[in-house]
PDB file of N, CA and C in Angstrom:
ATOM      1  N   MET A   1      -5.243  19.120   2.758  1.00  0.00           N
ATOM      2  CA  MET A   1      -6.337  18.261   2.078  1.00  0.00           C
ATOM      3  C   MET A   1      -5.607  17.175   1.220  1.00  0.00           C
ATOM      4  N   CYS A   2      -6.147  15.961   1.320  1.00  0.00           N
ATOM      5  CA  CYS A   2      -5.754  14.913   0.431  1.00  0.00           C
ATOM      6  C   CYS A   2      -6.096  15.158  -1.032  1.00  0.00           C
ATOM      7  N   LYS A   3      -5.166  14.838  -1.827  1.00  0.00           N
ATOM      8  CA  LYS A   3      -5.383  14.868  -3.305  1.00  0.00           C
ATOM      9  C   LYS A   3      -5.625  13.667  -3.977  1.00  0.00           C
ATOM     10  N   LEU A   4      -4.925  12.690  -3.566  1.00  0.00           N
ATOM     11  CA  LEU A   4      -5.092  11.635  -4.329  1.00  0.00           C
ATOM     12  C   LEU A   4      -5.208  10.196  -3.308  1.00  0.00           C
ATOM     13  N   TRP A   5      -6.313   9.660  -3.270  1.00  0.00           N
ATOM     14  CA  TRP A   5      -6.438   8.411  -2.474  1.00  0.00           C
ATOM     15  C   TRP A   5      -6.299   7.105  -3.403  1.00  0.00           C
ATOM     16  N   ILE A   6      -5.954   6.286  -2.682  1.00  0.00           N
ATOM     17  CA  ILE A   6      -5.366   4.814  -3.497  1.00  0.00           C
ATOM     18  C   ILE A   6      -6.269   3.863  -2.456  1.00  0.00           C
ATOM     19  N   SER A   7      -6.924   2.955  -3.089  1.00  0.00           N
ATOM     20  CA  SER A   7      -7.332   1.722  -2.161  1.00  0.00           C
ATOM     21  C   SER A   7      -6.847   0.575  -3.346  1.00  0.00           C
ATOM     22  N   ALA A   8      -6.112  -0.373  -2.613  1.00  0.00           N
ATOM     23  CA  ALA A   8      -5.595  -1.412  -3.387  1.00  0.00           C
ATOM     24  C   ALA A   8      -5.771  -2.828  -2.763  1.00  0.00           C
ATOM     25  N   GLY A   9      -6.161  -3.855  -3.390  1.00  0.00           N
ATOM     26  CA  GLY A   9      -6.237  -5.186  -2.782  1.00  0.00           C
ATOM     27  C   GLY A   9      -5.218  -5.975  -3.205  1.00  0.00           C
ATOM     28  N   ILE A  10      -4.442  -6.708  -2.279  1.00  0.00           N
ATOM     29  CA  ILE A  10      -3.352  -7.526  -2.624  1.00  0.00           C
ATOM     30  C   ILE A  10      -3.564  -8.782  -1.812  1.00  0.00           C
ATOM     31  N   GLU A  11      -2.872  -9.961  -2.274  1.00  0.00           N
ATOM     32  CA  GLU A  11      -3.004 -11.038  -1.548  1.00  0.00           C
ATOM     33  C   GLU A  11      -1.657 -11.813  -1.757  1.00  0.00           C
ATOM     34  N   LEU A  12      -1.530 -12.846  -0.826  1.00  0.00           N
ATOM     35  CA  LEU A  12      -0.181 -13.621  -0.676  1.00  0.00           C
ATOM     36  C   LEU A  12      -0.079 -14.242  -2.100  1.00  0.00           C
ATOM     37  N   GLN A  13       1.124 -14.267  -2.540  1.00  0.00           N
ATOM     38  CA  GLN A  13       1.530 -15.260  -3.694  1.00  0.00           C
ATOM     39  C   GLN A  13       1.553 -16.608  -3.216  1.00  0.00           C
ATOM     40  N   ASP A  14       1.244 -17.538  -4.055  1.00  0.00           N
ATOM     41  CA  ASP A  14       1.364 -18.943  -3.621  1.00  0.00           C
ATOM     42  C   ASP A  14       2.553 -19.314  -3.068  1.00  0.00           C
ATOM     43  N   GLY A  15       2.648 -19.830  -1.881  1.00  0.00           N
ATOM     44  CA  GLY A  15       3.881 -20.419  -1.076  1.00  0.00           C
ATOM     45  C   GLY A  15       4.434 -19.328  -0.297  1.00  0.00           C
ATOM     46  N   ALA A  16       3.944 -18.157  -0.233  1.00  0.00           N
ATOM     47  CA  ALA A  16       4.480 -17.040   0.715  1.00  0.00           C
ATOM     48  C   ALA A  16       3.862 -17.278   2.073  1.00  0.00           C
ATOM     49  N   ASP A  17       4.893 -17.102   3.115  1.00  0.00           N
ATOM     50  CA  ASP A  17       4.528 -17.320   4.493  1.00  0.00           C
ATOM     51  C   ASP A  17       3.814 -16.079   4.958  1.00  0.00           C
ATOM     52  N   LEU A  18       2.523 -16.200   5.631  1.00  0.00           N
ATOM     53  CA  LEU A  18       1.832 -15.206   5.981  1.00  0.00           C
ATOM     54  C   LEU A  18       2.467 -14.194   7.112  1.00  0.00           C
ATOM     55  N   ASN A  19       3.236 -14.857   7.997  1.00  0.00           N
ATOM     56  CA  ASN A  19       4.043 -14.233   9.116  1.00  0.00           C
ATOM     57  C   ASN A  19       5.020 -13.252   8.535  1.00  0.00           C
ATOM     58  N   THR A  20       5.732 -13.847   7.504  1.00  0.00           N
ATOM     59  CA  THR A  20       6.876 -13.243   6.927  1.00  0.00           C
ATOM     60  C   THR A  20       6.448 -12.032   6.086  1.00  0.00           C
ATOM     61  N   VAL A  21       5.366 -12.085   5.434  1.00  0.00           N
ATOM     62  CA  VAL A  21       4.661 -11.007   4.528  1.00  0.00           C
ATOM     63  C   VAL A  21       4.010  -9.974   5.542  1.00  0.00           C
ATOM     64  N   LYS A  22       3.475 -10.317   6.639  1.00  0.00           N
ATOM     65  CA  LYS A  22       2.905  -9.388   7.554  1.00  0.00           C
ATOM     66  C   LYS A  22       4.030  -8.555   8.120  1.00  0.00           C
ATOM     67  N   SER A  23       5.090  -9.215   8.467  1.00  0.00           N
ATOM     68  CA  SER A  23       6.229  -8.378   8.930  1.00  0.00           C
ATOM     69  C   SER A  23       6.763  -7.516   8.068  1.00  0.00           C
ATOM     70  N   ALA A  24       6.906  -7.987   6.721  1.00  0.00           N
ATOM     71  CA  ALA A  24       7.281  -7.212   5.563  1.00  0.00           C
ATOM     72  C   ALA A  24       6.526  -5.956   5.422  1.00  0.00           C
ATOM     73  N   LEU A  25       5.130  -6.097   5.373  1.00  0.00           N
ATOM     74  CA  LEU A  25       4.158  -5.102   5.174  1.00  0.00           C
ATOM     75  C   LEU A  25       4.237  -4.042   6.407  1.00  0.00           C
ATOM     76  N   ASN A  26       4.367  -4.427   7.524  1.00  0.00           N
ATOM     77  CA  ASN A  26       4.623  -3.648   8.675  1.00  0.00           C
ATOM     78  C   ASN A  26       5.688  -2.658   8.394  1.00  0.00           C
ATOM     79  N   GLN A  27       6.874  -3.306   8.009  1.00  0.00           N
ATOM     80  CA  GLN A  27       8.068  -2.512   7.811  1.00  0.00           C
ATOM     81  C   GLN A  27       7.772  -1.542   6.574  1.00  0.00           C
ATOM     82  N   LEU A  28       7.001  -2.071   5.601  1.00  0.00           N
ATOM     83  CA  LEU A  28       6.655  -1.108   4.537  1.00  0.00           C
ATOM     84  C   LEU A  28       5.857   0.183   5.113  1.00  0.00           C
ATOM     85  N   VAL A  29       4.969   0.012   5.916  1.00  0.00           N
ATOM     86  CA  VAL A  29       4.026   1.067   6.478  1.00  0.00           C
ATOM     87  C   VAL A  29       5.061   2.003   7.239  1.00  0.00           C
ATOM     88  N   ILE A  30       5.815   1.450   8.077  1.00  0.00           N
ATOM     89  CA  ILE A  30       6.978   2.398   8.879  1.00  0.00           C
ATOM     90  C   ILE A  30       7.673   3.297   8.066  1.00  0.00           C
ATOM     91  N   ASP A  31       8.271   2.502   6.866  1.00  0.00           N
ATOM     92  CA  ASP A  31       8.964   3.268   6.057  1.00  0.00           C
ATOM     93  C   ASP A  31       8.330   4.441   5.005  1.00  0.00           C
ATOM     94  N   THR A  32       7.032   3.967   4.544  1.00  0.00           N
ATOM     95  CA  THR A  32       6.502   4.773   3.618  1.00  0.00           C
ATOM     96  C   THR A  32       5.685   6.134   4.342  1.00  0.00           C
ATOM     97  N   VAL A  33       5.394   6.044   5.677  1.00  0.00           N
ATOM     98  CA  VAL A  33       4.804   7.197   6.304  1.00  0.00           C
ATOM     99  C   VAL A  33       5.556   8.299   6.357  1.00  0.00           C
ATOM    100  N   LYS A  34       7.086   7.903   6.224  1.00  0.00           N
ATOM    101  CA  LYS A  34       8.158   8.774   6.351  1.00  0.00           C
ATOM    102  C   LYS A  34       8.517   9.735   5.223  1.00  0.00           C
ATOM    103  N   GLU A  35       7.834   9.180   3.986  1.00  0.00           N
ATOM    104  CA  GLU A  35       8.231   9.581   2.620  1.00  0.00           C
ATOM    105  C   GLU A  35       7.365  11.151   2.501  1.00  0.00           C
ATOM    106  N   PRO A  36       8.085  12.073   1.901  1.00  0.00           N
ATOM    107  CA  PRO A  36       7.518  13.285   1.644  1.00  0.00           C
ATOM    108  C   PRO A  36       6.306  13.040   0.574  1.00  0.00           C
ATOM    109  N   GLY A  37       5.113  13.703   1.000  1.00  0.00           N
ATOM    110  CA  GLY A  37       4.081  13.628   0.160  1.00  0.00           C
ATOM    111  C   GLY A  37       3.079  12.468   0.611  1.00  0.00           C
ATOM    112  N   CYS A  38       3.568  11.600   1.593  1.00  0.00           N
ATOM    113  CA  CYS A  38       2.565  10.615   2.054  1.00  0.00           C
ATOM    114  C   CYS A  38       1.696  11.275   3.337  1.00  0.00           C
ATOM    115  N   ILE A  39       0.608  11.192   3.099  1.00  0.00           N
ATOM    116  CA  ILE A  39      -0.570  11.743   3.960  1.00  0.00           C
ATOM    117  C   ILE A  39      -0.925  10.559   4.899  1.00  0.00           C
ATOM    118  N   LYS A  40      -1.300   9.374   4.279  1.00  0.00           N
ATOM    119  CA  LYS A  40      -1.630   8.356   5.014  1.00  0.00           C
ATOM    120  C   LYS A  40      -1.373   7.041   4.268  1.00  0.00           C
ATOM    121  N   PHE A  41      -0.902   5.944   4.999  1.00  0.00           N
ATOM    122  CA  PHE A  41      -0.372   4.683   4.527  1.00  0.00           C
ATOM    123  C   PHE A  41      -0.793   3.713   5.513  1.00  0.00           C
ATOM    124  N   GLU A  42      -1.846   2.902   5.129  1.00  0.00           N
ATOM    125  CA  GLU A  42      -2.464   1.813   6.063  1.00  0.00           C
ATOM    126  C   GLU A  42      -2.656   0.680   5.242  1.00  0.00           C
ATOM    127  N   ILE A  43      -2.359  -0.529   6.024  1.00  0.00           N
ATOM    128  CA  ILE A  43      -2.604  -1.818   5.466  1.00  0.00           C
ATOM    129  C   ILE A  43      -3.409  -2.558   6.414  1.00  0.00           C
ATOM    130  N   LEU A  44      -4.618  -3.089   5.842  1.00  0.00           N
ATOM    131  CA  LEU A  44      -5.555  -3.721   6.788  1.00  0.00           C
ATOM    132  C   LEU A  44      -5.594  -5.129   6.234  1.00  0.00           C
ATOM    133  N   GLN A  45      -5.822  -5.974   7.325  1.00  0.00           N
ATOM    134  CA  GLN A  45      -5.887  -7.595   6.968  1.00  0.00           C
ATOM    135  C   GLN A  45      -7.295  -7.884   7.069  1.00  0.00           C
ATOM    136  N   GLN A  46      -7.734  -8.499   5.876  1.00  0.00           N
ATOM    137  CA  GLN A  46      -9.333  -9.135   5.832  1.00  0.00           C
ATOM    138  C   GLN A  46      -9.200 -10.082   6.959  1.00  0.00           C
ATOM    139  N   GLN A  47     -10.467  -9.968   7.746  1.00  0.00           N
ATOM    140  CA  GLN A  47     -10.779 -10.881   8.775  1.00  0.00           C
ATOM    141  C   GLN A  47     -11.229 -12.403   8.323  1.00  0.00           C
ATOM    142  N   ASP A  48     -11.956 -12.355   7.004  1.00  0.00           N
ATOM    143  CA  ASP A  48     -12.395 -13.577   6.620  1.00  0.00           C
ATOM    144  C   ASP A  48     -11.498 -14.187   5.586  1.00  0.00           C
ATOM    145  N   LYS A  49     -10.514 -13.502   5.207  1.00  0.00           N
ATOM    146  CA  LYS A  49      -9.422 -13.821   4.357  1.00  0.00           C
ATOM    147  C   LYS A  49      -8.077 -13.469   4.719  1.00  0.00           C
ATOM    148  N   PRO A  50      -7.427 -14.150   5.741  1.00  0.00           N
ATOM    149  CA  PRO A  50      -6.136 -13.529   6.297  1.00  0.00           C
ATOM    150  C   PRO A  50      -5.017 -13.466   5.320  1.00  0.00           C
ATOM    151  N   GLU A  51      -5.187 -14.142   4.163  1.00  0.00           N
ATOM    152  CA  GLU A  51      -4.030 -13.940   3.236  1.00  0.00           C
ATOM    153  C   GLU A  51      -4.305 -12.648   2.160  1.00  0.00           C
ATOM    154  N   CYS A  52      -5.484 -12.066   2.497  1.00  0.00           N
ATOM    155  CA  CYS A  52      -5.784 -10.754   1.592  1.00  0.00           C
ATOM    156  C   CYS A  52      -5.641  -9.626   2.562  1.00  0.00           C
ATOM    157  N   PHE A  53      -5.301  -8.512   1.863  1.00  0.00           N
ATOM    158  CA  PHE A  53      -5.022  -7.179   2.665  1.00  0.00           C
ATOM    159  C   PHE A  53      -5.539  -6.039   1.667  1.00  0.00           C
ATOM    160  N   THR A  54      -5.998  -4.944   2.387  1.00  0.00           N
ATOM    161  CA  THR A  54      -6.271  -3.608   1.666  1.00  0.00           C
ATOM    162  C   THR A  54      -5.268  -2.436   1.844  1.00  0.00           C
ATOM    163  N   LEU A  55      -4.868  -1.871   1.069  1.00  0.00           N
ATOM    164  CA  LEU A  55      -3.934  -0.810   1.225  1.00  0.00           C
ATOM    165  C   LEU A  55      -4.999   0.433   1.222  1.00  0.00           C
ATOM    166  N   TRP A  56      -4.708   1.326   1.964  1.00  0.00           N
ATOM    167  CA  TRP A  56      -5.373   2.491   1.968  1.00  0.00           C
ATOM    168  C   TRP A  56      -4.392   3.730   2.029  1.00  0.00           C
ATOM    169  N   GLU A  57      -4.290   4.540   1.169  1.00  0.00           N
ATOM    170  CA  GLU A  57      -3.295   5.394   1.035  1.00  0.00           C
ATOM    171  C   GLU A  57      -3.841   6.886   0.638  1.00  0.00           C
ATOM    172  N   CYS A  58      -3.170   7.817   1.188  1.00  0.00           N
ATOM    173  CA  CYS A  58      -3.383   9.175   0.637  1.00  0.00           C
ATOM    174  C   CYS A  58      -2.107  10.030   0.312  1.00  0.00           C
ATOM    175  N   TRP A  59      -1.902  10.544  -0.960  1.00  0.00           N
ATOM    176  CA  TRP A  59      -0.731  11.166  -1.365  1.00  0.00           C
ATOM    177  C   TRP A  59      -1.125  12.779  -1.864  1.00  0.00           C
ATOM    178  N   VAL A  60      -0.170  13.619  -1.626  1.00  0.00           N
ATOM    179  CA  VAL A  60      -0.475  14.838  -1.936  1.00  0.00           C
ATOM    180  C   VAL A  60      -0.702  15.045  -3.555  1.00  0.00           C
ATOM    181  N   ASN A  61      -0.109  14.223  -4.352  1.00  0.00           N
ATOM    182  CA  ASN A  61      -0.293  14.175  -5.711  1.00  0.00           C
ATOM    183  C   ASN A  61       0.396  12.964  -6.348  1.00  0.00           C
ATOM    184  N   ASP A  62       0.198  12.978  -7.648  1.00  0.00           N
ATOM    185  CA  ASP A  62       0.789  11.743  -8.623  1.00  0.00           C
ATOM    186  C   ASP A  62       2.277  11.661  -8.464  1.00  0.00           C
ATOM    187  N   ASP A  63       2.855  12.731  -8.384  1.00  0.00           N
ATOM    188  CA  ASP A  63       4.285  12.782  -8.409  1.00  0.00           C
ATOM    189  C   ASP A  63       4.821  12.063  -6.855  1.00  0.00           C
ATOM    190  N   ALA A  64       4.192  12.204  -5.864  1.00  0.00           N
ATOM    191  CA  ALA A  64       4.492  11.553  -4.587  1.00  0.00           C
ATOM    192  C   ALA A  64       4.344  10.120  -4.604  1.00  0.00           C
ATOM    193  N   LEU A  65       3.087   9.688  -5.242  1.00  0.00           N
ATOM    194  CA  LEU A  65       3.021   8.375  -5.442  1.00  0.00           C
ATOM    195  C   LEU A  65       4.058   7.608  -6.432  1.00  0.00           C
ATOM    196  N   LYS A  66       4.283   8.269  -7.536  1.00  0.00           N
ATOM    197  CA  LYS A  66       5.335   7.798  -8.276  1.00  0.00           C
ATOM    198  C   LYS A  66       6.684   7.575  -7.651  1.00  0.00           C
ATOM    199  N   ALA A  67       7.186   8.577  -6.873  1.00  0.00           N
ATOM    200  CA  ALA A  67       8.415   8.402  -5.854  1.00  0.00           C
ATOM    201  C   ALA A  67       8.142   7.359  -4.927  1.00  0.00           C
ATOM    202  N   HIS A  68       6.996   7.067  -4.374  1.00  0.00           N
ATOM    203  CA  HIS A  68       6.842   5.915  -3.572  1.00  0.00           C
ATOM    204  C   HIS A  68       7.330   4.625  -4.131  1.00  0.00           C
ATOM    205  N   PHE A  69       6.947   4.423  -5.476  1.00  0.00           N
ATOM    206  CA  PHE A  69       7.296   3.212  -6.318  1.00  0.00           C
ATOM    207  C   PHE A  69       8.771   3.236  -6.686  1.00  0.00           C
ATOM    208  N   GLU A  70       9.537   4.322  -6.556  1.00  0.00           N
ATOM    209  CA  GLU A  70      10.784   4.296  -6.759  1.00  0.00           C
ATOM    210  C   GLU A  70      11.856   4.406  -5.496  1.00  0.00           C
ATOM    211  N   ALA A  71      11.024   4.440  -4.288  1.00  0.00           N
ATOM    212  CA  ALA A  71      11.926   4.356  -3.116  1.00  0.00           C
ATOM    213  C   ALA A  71      12.512   3.073  -2.757  1.00  0.00           C
ATOM    214  N   PRO A  72      13.472   3.030  -2.188  1.00  0.00           N
ATOM    215  CA  PRO A  72      14.492   1.815  -1.923  1.00  0.00           C
ATOM    216  C   PRO A  72      13.430   0.708  -1.169  1.00  0.00           C
ATOM    217  N   HIS A  73      13.042   1.310  -0.171  1.00  0.00           N
ATOM    218  CA  HIS A  73      12.118   0.294   0.699  1.00  0.00           C
ATOM    219  C   HIS A  73      10.820  -0.406  -0.099  1.00  0.00           C
ATOM    220  N   THR A  74      10.376   0.603  -1.037  1.00  0.00           N
ATOM    221  CA  THR A  74       9.179  -0.170  -1.946  1.00  0.00           C
ATOM    222  C   THR A  74       9.728  -1.071  -2.854  1.00  0.00           C
ATOM    223  N   LEU A  75      10.883  -0.701  -3.375  1.00  0.00           N
ATOM    224  CA  LEU A  75      11.421  -1.563  -4.538  1.00  0.00           C
ATOM    225  C   LEU A  75      11.953  -2.899  -3.741  1.00  0.00           C
ATOM    226  N   ALA A  76      12.663  -2.667  -2.474  1.00  0.00           N
ATOM    227  CA  ALA A  76      12.894  -4.150  -1.935  1.00  0.00           C
ATOM    228  C   ALA A  76      11.756  -4.977  -1.584  1.00  0.00           C
ATOM    229  N   TYR A  77      10.642  -4.413  -1.077  1.00  0.00           N
ATOM    230  CA  TYR A  77       9.345  -5.058  -0.765  1.00  0.00           C
ATOM    231  C   TYR A  77       9.057  -5.867  -2.202  1.00  0.00           C
ATOM    232  N   LEU A  78       8.906  -5.144  -3.193  1.00  0.00           N
ATOM    233  CA  LEU A  78       8.374  -5.667  -4.401  1.00  0.00           C
ATOM    234  C   LEU A  78       9.242  -6.755  -4.976  1.00  0.00           C
ATOM    235  N   GLU A  79      10.595  -6.728  -4.719  1.00  0.00           N
ATOM    236  CA  GLU A  79      11.616  -7.690  -5.415  1.00  0.00           C
ATOM    237  C   GLU A  79      11.247  -8.957  -4.736  1.00  0.00           C
ATOM    238  N   ASN A  80      10.861  -8.955  -3.496  1.00  0.00           N
ATOM    239  CA  ASN A  80      10.575 -10.227  -2.811  1.00  0.00           C
ATOM    240  C   ASN A  80       9.386 -11.047  -3.338  1.00  0.00           C
ATOM    241  N   ASN A  81       8.471 -10.321  -3.977  1.00  0.00           N
ATOM    242  CA  ASN A  81       7.327 -11.091  -4.654  1.00  0.00           C
ATOM    243  C   ASN A  81       6.514 -11.618  -3.699  1.00  0.00           C
ATOM    244  N   TYR A  82       6.264 -11.030  -2.618  1.00  0.00           N
ATOM    245  CA  TYR A  82       5.382 -11.555  -1.470  1.00  0.00           C
ATOM    246  C   TYR A  82       3.976 -11.774  -1.908  1.00  0.00           C
ATOM    247  N   THR A  83       3.518 -10.634  -2.594  1.00  0.00           N
ATOM    248  CA  THR A  83       2.024 -10.643  -2.771  1.00  0.00           C
ATOM    249  C   THR A  83       1.717 -10.114  -4.339  1.00  0.00           C
ATOM    250  N   LYS A  84       0.533 -10.346  -4.763  1.00  0.00           N
ATOM    251  CA  LYS A  84       0.189 -10.059  -6.015  1.00  0.00           C
ATOM    252  C   LYS A  84      -1.016  -8.940  -5.820  1.00  0.00           C
ATOM    253  N   VAL A  85      -1.254  -8.179  -6.725  1.00  0.00           N
ATOM    254  CA  VAL A  85      -2.167  -6.993  -6.679  1.00  0.00           C
ATOM    255  C   VAL A  85      -3.521  -7.546  -7.439  1.00  0.00           C
ATOM    256  N   ASN A  86      -4.555  -7.556  -6.702  1.00  0.00           N
ATOM    257  CA  ASN A  86      -5.876  -7.722  -7.298  1.00  0.00           C
ATOM    258  C   ASN A  86      -6.618  -6.596  -8.038  1.00  0.00           C
ATOM    259  N   TYR A  87      -6.447  -5.466  -7.341  1.00  0.00           N
ATOM    260  CA  TYR A  87      -7.103  -4.205  -7.857  1.00  0.00           C
ATOM    261  C   TYR A  87      -6.288  -2.915  -7.398  1.00  0.00           C
ATOM    262  N   ILE A  88      -6.493  -1.943  -8.114  1.00  0.00           N
ATOM    263  CA  ILE A  88      -6.027  -0.606  -7.834  1.00  0.00           C
ATOM    264  C   ILE A  88      -7.133   0.441  -7.994  1.00  0.00           C
ATOM    265  N   GLU A  89      -7.574   1.014  -6.900  1.00  0.00           N
ATOM    266  CA  GLU A  89      -8.444   2.197  -7.253  1.00  0.00           C
ATOM    267  C   GLU A  89      -7.937   3.477  -7.042  1.00  0.00           C
ATOM    268  N   ARG A  90      -8.081   4.399  -7.997  1.00  0.00           N
ATOM    269  CA  ARG A  90      -7.443   5.879  -7.797  1.00  0.00           C
ATOM    270  C   ARG A  90      -8.718   6.644  -7.405  1.00  0.00           C
ATOM    271  N   LEU A  91      -8.852   7.294  -6.218  1.00  0.00           N
ATOM    272  CA  LEU A  91     -10.037   7.813  -5.841  1.00  0.00           C
ATOM    273  C   LEU A  91      -9.963   9.338  -5.437  1.00  0.00           C
ATOM    274  N   GLN A  92     -10.938  10.132  -5.359  1.00  0.00           N
ATOM    275  CA  GLN A  92     -10.819  11.474  -4.988  1.00  0.00           C
ATOM    276  C   GLN A  92     -12.092  11.771  -4.139  1.00  0.00           C
ATOM    277  N   MET A  93     -11.823  12.805  -3.217  1.00  0.00           N
ATOM    278  CA  MET A  93     -12.978  13.292  -2.393  1.00  0.00           C
ATOM    279  C   MET A  93     -13.835  13.912  -3.103  1.00  0.00           C
ATOM    280  N   ASN A  94     -15.266  13.735  -3.068  1.00  0.00           N
ATOM    281  CA  ASN A  94     -16.307  14.237  -3.695  1.00  0.00           C
ATOM    282  C   ASN A  94     -17.102  15.085  -2.757  1.00  0.00           C
ATOM    283  N   ILE A  95     -16.659  16.440  -2.771  1.00  0.00           N
ATOM    284  CA  ILE A  95     -17.374  17.410  -1.711  1.00  0.00           C
ATOM    285  C   ILE A  95     -18.769  18.056  -2.508  1.00  0.00           C
ATOM    286  N   ALA A  96     -19.782  17.988  -1.609  1.00  0.00           N
ATOM    287  CA  ALA A  96     -21.070  18.488  -2.122  1.00  0.00           C
ATOM    288  C   ALA A  96     -21.122  19.948  -1.948  1.00  0.00           C
ATOM    289  N   ALA A  97     -21.713  20.749  -2.894  1.00  0.00           N
ATOM    290  CA  ALA A  97     -21.607  22.192  -2.819  1.00  0.00           C
ATOM    291  C   ALA A  97     -22.723  22.804  -1.685  1.00  0.00           C
TER     292      ALA A  97
END
């Protein structure tokens, strides 16, 4: 069962090339889904604003998410400064009794 859901909105930095960023994001997905503790990691492109993306993630716990931000592939993506973060939501399943 998923413990920690993340929804994050990102968009291209000024001057970033859309195709380059899409390629880098695709590689980030490929590498991230192999991480221990990653249950789901998807990046969706907005249809009406192609420069904007939504990250939809599920991690077993906070430690797994923290390790993700320390992973070489994540650090390499962030070093390129392709995108900026508009929001991050930390979510949990709410199960009715």
